[in-house]
């Protein structure tokens, strides 16, 4: 088991793991609506499967939110 930072919290996971598998393990229901940063760098969606997370990496899931003004 290895420790990573996921959205600012420590998580114990088996590494290496792909971003796509990390999304699945965290039950992200709409991965197409998520941007991901690894160690402060955005990862292209087409690279989610090939990008491997290593021990001590910092990963942030950034979710798009709808909304707007009711004016």
N, C-alpha and C. Protein backbone atom coordinates (compact mmCIF):
# COMPACT_ATOMS: atom_id res chain seq x y z
N UNK A 1 0.85 -1.18 0.00
CA UNK A 1 0.00 0.00 0.00
C UNK A 1 0.89 1.24 0.00
N UNK A 2 0.41 2.25 -0.68
CA UNK A 2 1.13 3.52 -0.77
C UNK A 2 0.18 4.65 -0.41
N UNK A 3 0.75 5.76 0.02
CA UNK A 3 -0.05 6.93 0.37
C UNK A 3 0.00 7.94 -0.77
N UNK A 4 -1.18 8.45 -1.14
CA UNK A 4 -1.29 9.58 -2.06
C UNK A 4 -2.15 10.63 -1.39
N UNK A 5 -2.12 11.82 -1.91
CA UNK A 5 -3.04 12.88 -1.49
C UNK A 5 -4.12 12.97 -2.56
N UNK A 6 -5.37 12.77 -2.17
CA UNK A 6 -6.49 12.86 -3.10
C UNK A 6 -7.42 13.94 -2.58
N UNK A 7 -7.54 15.01 -3.35
CA UNK A 7 -8.36 16.15 -2.95
C UNK A 7 -7.99 16.63 -1.54
N UNK A 8 -6.68 16.66 -1.28
CA UNK A 8 -6.18 17.21 -0.03
C UNK A 8 -6.19 16.27 1.17
N UNK A 9 -6.60 15.01 0.97
CA UNK A 9 -6.65 14.05 2.07
C UNK A 9 -5.78 12.84 1.73
N UNK A 10 -5.15 12.29 2.75
CA UNK A 10 -4.32 11.10 2.57
C UNK A 10 -5.19 9.89 2.29
N UNK A 11 -4.77 9.09 1.30
CA UNK A 11 -5.45 7.84 0.96
C UNK A 11 -4.41 6.76 0.77
N UNK A 12 -4.72 5.57 1.27
CA UNK A 12 -3.87 4.40 1.07
C UNK A 12 -4.40 3.63 -0.13
N UNK A 13 -3.56 3.45 -1.15
CA UNK A 13 -3.97 2.71 -2.34
C UNK A 13 -2.81 1.84 -2.81
N UNK A 14 -3.13 0.87 -3.67
CA UNK A 14 -2.11 0.09 -4.33
C UNK A 14 -1.61 0.90 -5.52
N UNK A 15 -0.32 1.11 -5.61
CA UNK A 15 0.25 1.83 -6.74
C UNK A 15 1.21 0.90 -7.46
N UNK A 16 1.45 1.12 -8.76
CA UNK A 16 0.84 2.18 -9.56
C UNK A 16 -0.60 1.84 -9.92
N UNK A 17 -1.38 2.89 -10.15
CA UNK A 17 -2.79 2.76 -10.54
C UNK A 17 -3.08 3.84 -11.58
N UNK A 18 -3.88 3.50 -12.56
CA UNK A 18 -4.23 4.50 -13.58
C UNK A 18 -5.25 5.49 -13.02
N UNK A 19 -5.28 6.67 -13.60
CA UNK A 19 -6.29 7.65 -13.20
C UNK A 19 -7.69 7.11 -13.43
N UNK A 20 -7.89 6.38 -14.53
CA UNK A 20 -9.20 5.82 -14.83
C UNK A 20 -9.64 4.85 -13.73
N UNK A 21 -8.72 4.00 -13.27
CA UNK A 21 -9.05 3.07 -12.20
C UNK A 21 -9.27 3.80 -10.89
N UNK A 22 -8.51 4.86 -10.64
CA UNK A 22 -8.71 5.66 -9.43
C UNK A 22 -10.11 6.29 -9.43
N UNK A 23 -10.56 6.76 -10.59
CA UNK A 23 -11.92 7.28 -10.70
C UNK A 23 -12.93 6.20 -10.37
N UNK A 24 -12.73 5.00 -10.91
CA UNK A 24 -13.65 3.88 -10.64
C UNK A 24 -13.68 3.52 -9.16
N UNK A 25 -12.49 3.43 -8.55
CA UNK A 25 -12.43 3.06 -7.14
C UNK A 25 -13.10 4.08 -6.24
N UNK A 26 -13.11 5.33 -6.68
CA UNK A 26 -13.74 6.39 -5.90
C UNK A 26 -15.18 6.64 -6.32
N UNK A 27 -15.71 5.74 -7.15
CA UNK A 27 -17.12 5.75 -7.56
C UNK A 27 -17.56 7.08 -8.16
N UNK A 28 -16.69 7.66 -8.99
CA UNK A 28 -17.04 8.89 -9.70
C UNK A 28 -18.03 8.49 -10.79
N UNK A 29 -19.25 8.98 -10.69
CA UNK A 29 -20.33 8.55 -11.57
C UNK A 29 -20.25 9.12 -12.98
N UNK A 30 -19.72 10.32 -13.14
CA UNK A 30 -19.63 10.94 -14.45
C UNK A 30 -18.20 11.39 -14.71
N UNK A 31 -17.29 10.45 -15.00
CA UNK A 31 -15.89 10.83 -15.19
C UNK A 31 -15.68 11.81 -16.34
N UNK A 32 -16.63 11.87 -17.27
CA UNK A 32 -16.52 12.82 -18.38
C UNK A 32 -16.73 14.26 -17.90
N UNK A 33 -17.20 14.44 -16.67
CA UNK A 33 -17.43 15.77 -16.12
C UNK A 33 -16.34 16.17 -15.11
N UNK A 34 -15.22 15.43 -15.12
CA UNK A 34 -14.15 15.66 -14.16
C UNK A 34 -12.86 16.03 -14.89
N UNK A 35 -12.19 17.04 -14.38
CA UNK A 35 -10.81 17.33 -14.79
C UNK A 35 -9.93 16.84 -13.66
N UNK A 36 -8.72 16.40 -14.01
CA UNK A 36 -7.83 15.87 -12.99
C UNK A 36 -6.48 16.56 -13.07
N UNK A 37 -5.98 16.94 -11.90
CA UNK A 37 -4.63 17.45 -11.78
C UNK A 37 -3.80 16.43 -11.02
N UNK A 38 -2.60 16.17 -11.51
CA UNK A 38 -1.64 15.33 -10.81
C UNK A 38 -0.41 16.18 -10.55
N UNK A 39 -0.10 16.34 -9.29
CA UNK A 39 1.05 17.16 -8.88
C UNK A 39 1.00 18.55 -9.52
N UNK A 40 -0.22 19.11 -9.57
CA UNK A 40 -0.40 20.48 -10.05
C UNK A 40 -0.52 20.63 -11.55
N UNK A 41 -0.44 19.52 -12.30
CA UNK A 41 -0.53 19.58 -13.76
C UNK A 41 -1.81 18.90 -14.23
N UNK A 42 -2.55 19.56 -15.13
CA UNK A 42 -3.76 18.95 -15.68
C UNK A 42 -3.38 17.79 -16.59
N UNK A 43 -4.18 16.73 -16.54
CA UNK A 43 -3.99 15.56 -17.39
C UNK A 43 -5.13 15.53 -18.41
N UNK A 44 -4.80 15.36 -19.68
CA UNK A 44 -5.82 15.26 -20.72
C UNK A 44 -6.68 14.03 -20.50
N UNK A 45 -7.97 14.16 -20.75
CA UNK A 45 -8.91 13.06 -20.55
C UNK A 45 -8.48 11.80 -21.32
N UNK A 46 -7.92 11.98 -22.51
CA UNK A 46 -7.50 10.82 -23.30
C UNK A 46 -6.30 10.10 -22.67
N UNK A 47 -5.68 10.71 -21.66
CA UNK A 47 -4.54 10.08 -20.97
C UNK A 47 -4.90 9.51 -19.60
N UNK A 48 -6.19 9.52 -19.24
CA UNK A 48 -6.59 9.00 -17.93
C UNK A 48 -6.20 7.53 -17.76
N UNK A 49 -6.32 6.75 -18.83
CA UNK A 49 -6.03 5.32 -18.73
C UNK A 49 -4.52 5.05 -18.69
N UNK A 50 -3.74 5.86 -19.35
CA UNK A 50 -2.30 5.60 -19.43
C UNK A 50 -1.48 6.33 -18.36
N UNK A 51 -2.08 7.28 -17.65
CA UNK A 51 -1.36 8.00 -16.61
C UNK A 51 -1.42 7.21 -15.31
N UNK A 52 -0.25 6.85 -14.80
CA UNK A 52 -0.17 6.03 -13.60
C UNK A 52 0.19 6.89 -12.39
N UNK A 53 -0.54 6.67 -11.31
CA UNK A 53 -0.31 7.37 -10.06
C UNK A 53 0.74 6.58 -9.27
N UNK A 54 1.68 7.31 -8.70
CA UNK A 54 2.78 6.73 -7.93
C UNK A 54 2.66 7.16 -6.47
N UNK A 55 3.39 6.49 -5.57
CA UNK A 55 3.37 6.90 -4.16
C UNK A 55 3.70 8.38 -4.01
N UNK A 56 3.02 9.02 -3.09
CA UNK A 56 3.21 10.43 -2.73
C UNK A 56 2.69 11.43 -3.76
N UNK A 57 2.06 10.95 -4.84
CA UNK A 57 1.47 11.89 -5.80
C UNK A 57 0.32 12.64 -5.15
N UNK A 58 0.08 13.85 -5.65
CA UNK A 58 -1.06 14.66 -5.23
C UNK A 58 -2.03 14.73 -6.40
N UNK A 59 -3.24 14.23 -6.17
CA UNK A 59 -4.26 14.14 -7.21
C UNK A 59 -5.47 14.97 -6.78
N UNK A 60 -5.98 15.76 -7.70
CA UNK A 60 -7.19 16.54 -7.42
C UNK A 60 -8.22 16.27 -8.51
N UNK A 61 -9.41 15.85 -8.10
CA UNK A 61 -10.55 15.73 -9.00
C UNK A 61 -11.28 17.06 -8.98
N UNK A 62 -11.44 17.68 -10.13
CA UNK A 62 -12.13 18.96 -10.23
C UNK A 62 -13.43 18.73 -10.99
N UNK A 63 -14.55 18.93 -10.30
CA UNK A 63 -15.86 18.64 -10.87
C UNK A 63 -16.48 19.90 -11.45
N UNK A 64 -17.03 19.79 -12.66
CA UNK A 64 -17.76 20.90 -13.27
C UNK A 64 -19.11 21.00 -12.60
N UNK A 65 -19.53 22.22 -12.32
CA UNK A 65 -20.82 22.43 -11.69
C UNK A 65 -21.65 23.36 -12.57
N UNK A 66 -22.90 22.99 -12.76
CA UNK A 66 -23.80 23.83 -13.52
C UNK A 66 -24.36 24.93 -12.63
N UNK A 67 -24.98 25.85 -13.26
CA UNK A 67 -25.60 26.92 -12.49
C UNK A 67 -25.57 28.21 -13.27
N UNK A 68 -25.96 29.24 -12.64
CA UNK A 68 -25.96 30.53 -13.29
C UNK A 68 -26.89 31.48 -12.58
N UNK A 69 -27.06 32.59 -13.16
CA UNK A 69 -27.88 33.64 -12.58
C UNK A 69 -29.34 33.41 -12.92
N UNK A 70 -30.20 33.76 -12.01
CA UNK A 70 -31.64 33.67 -12.27
C UNK A 70 -32.22 35.02 -12.64
N UNK A 71 -31.37 35.94 -13.00
CA UNK A 71 -31.82 37.29 -13.35
C UNK A 71 -32.47 37.33 -14.70
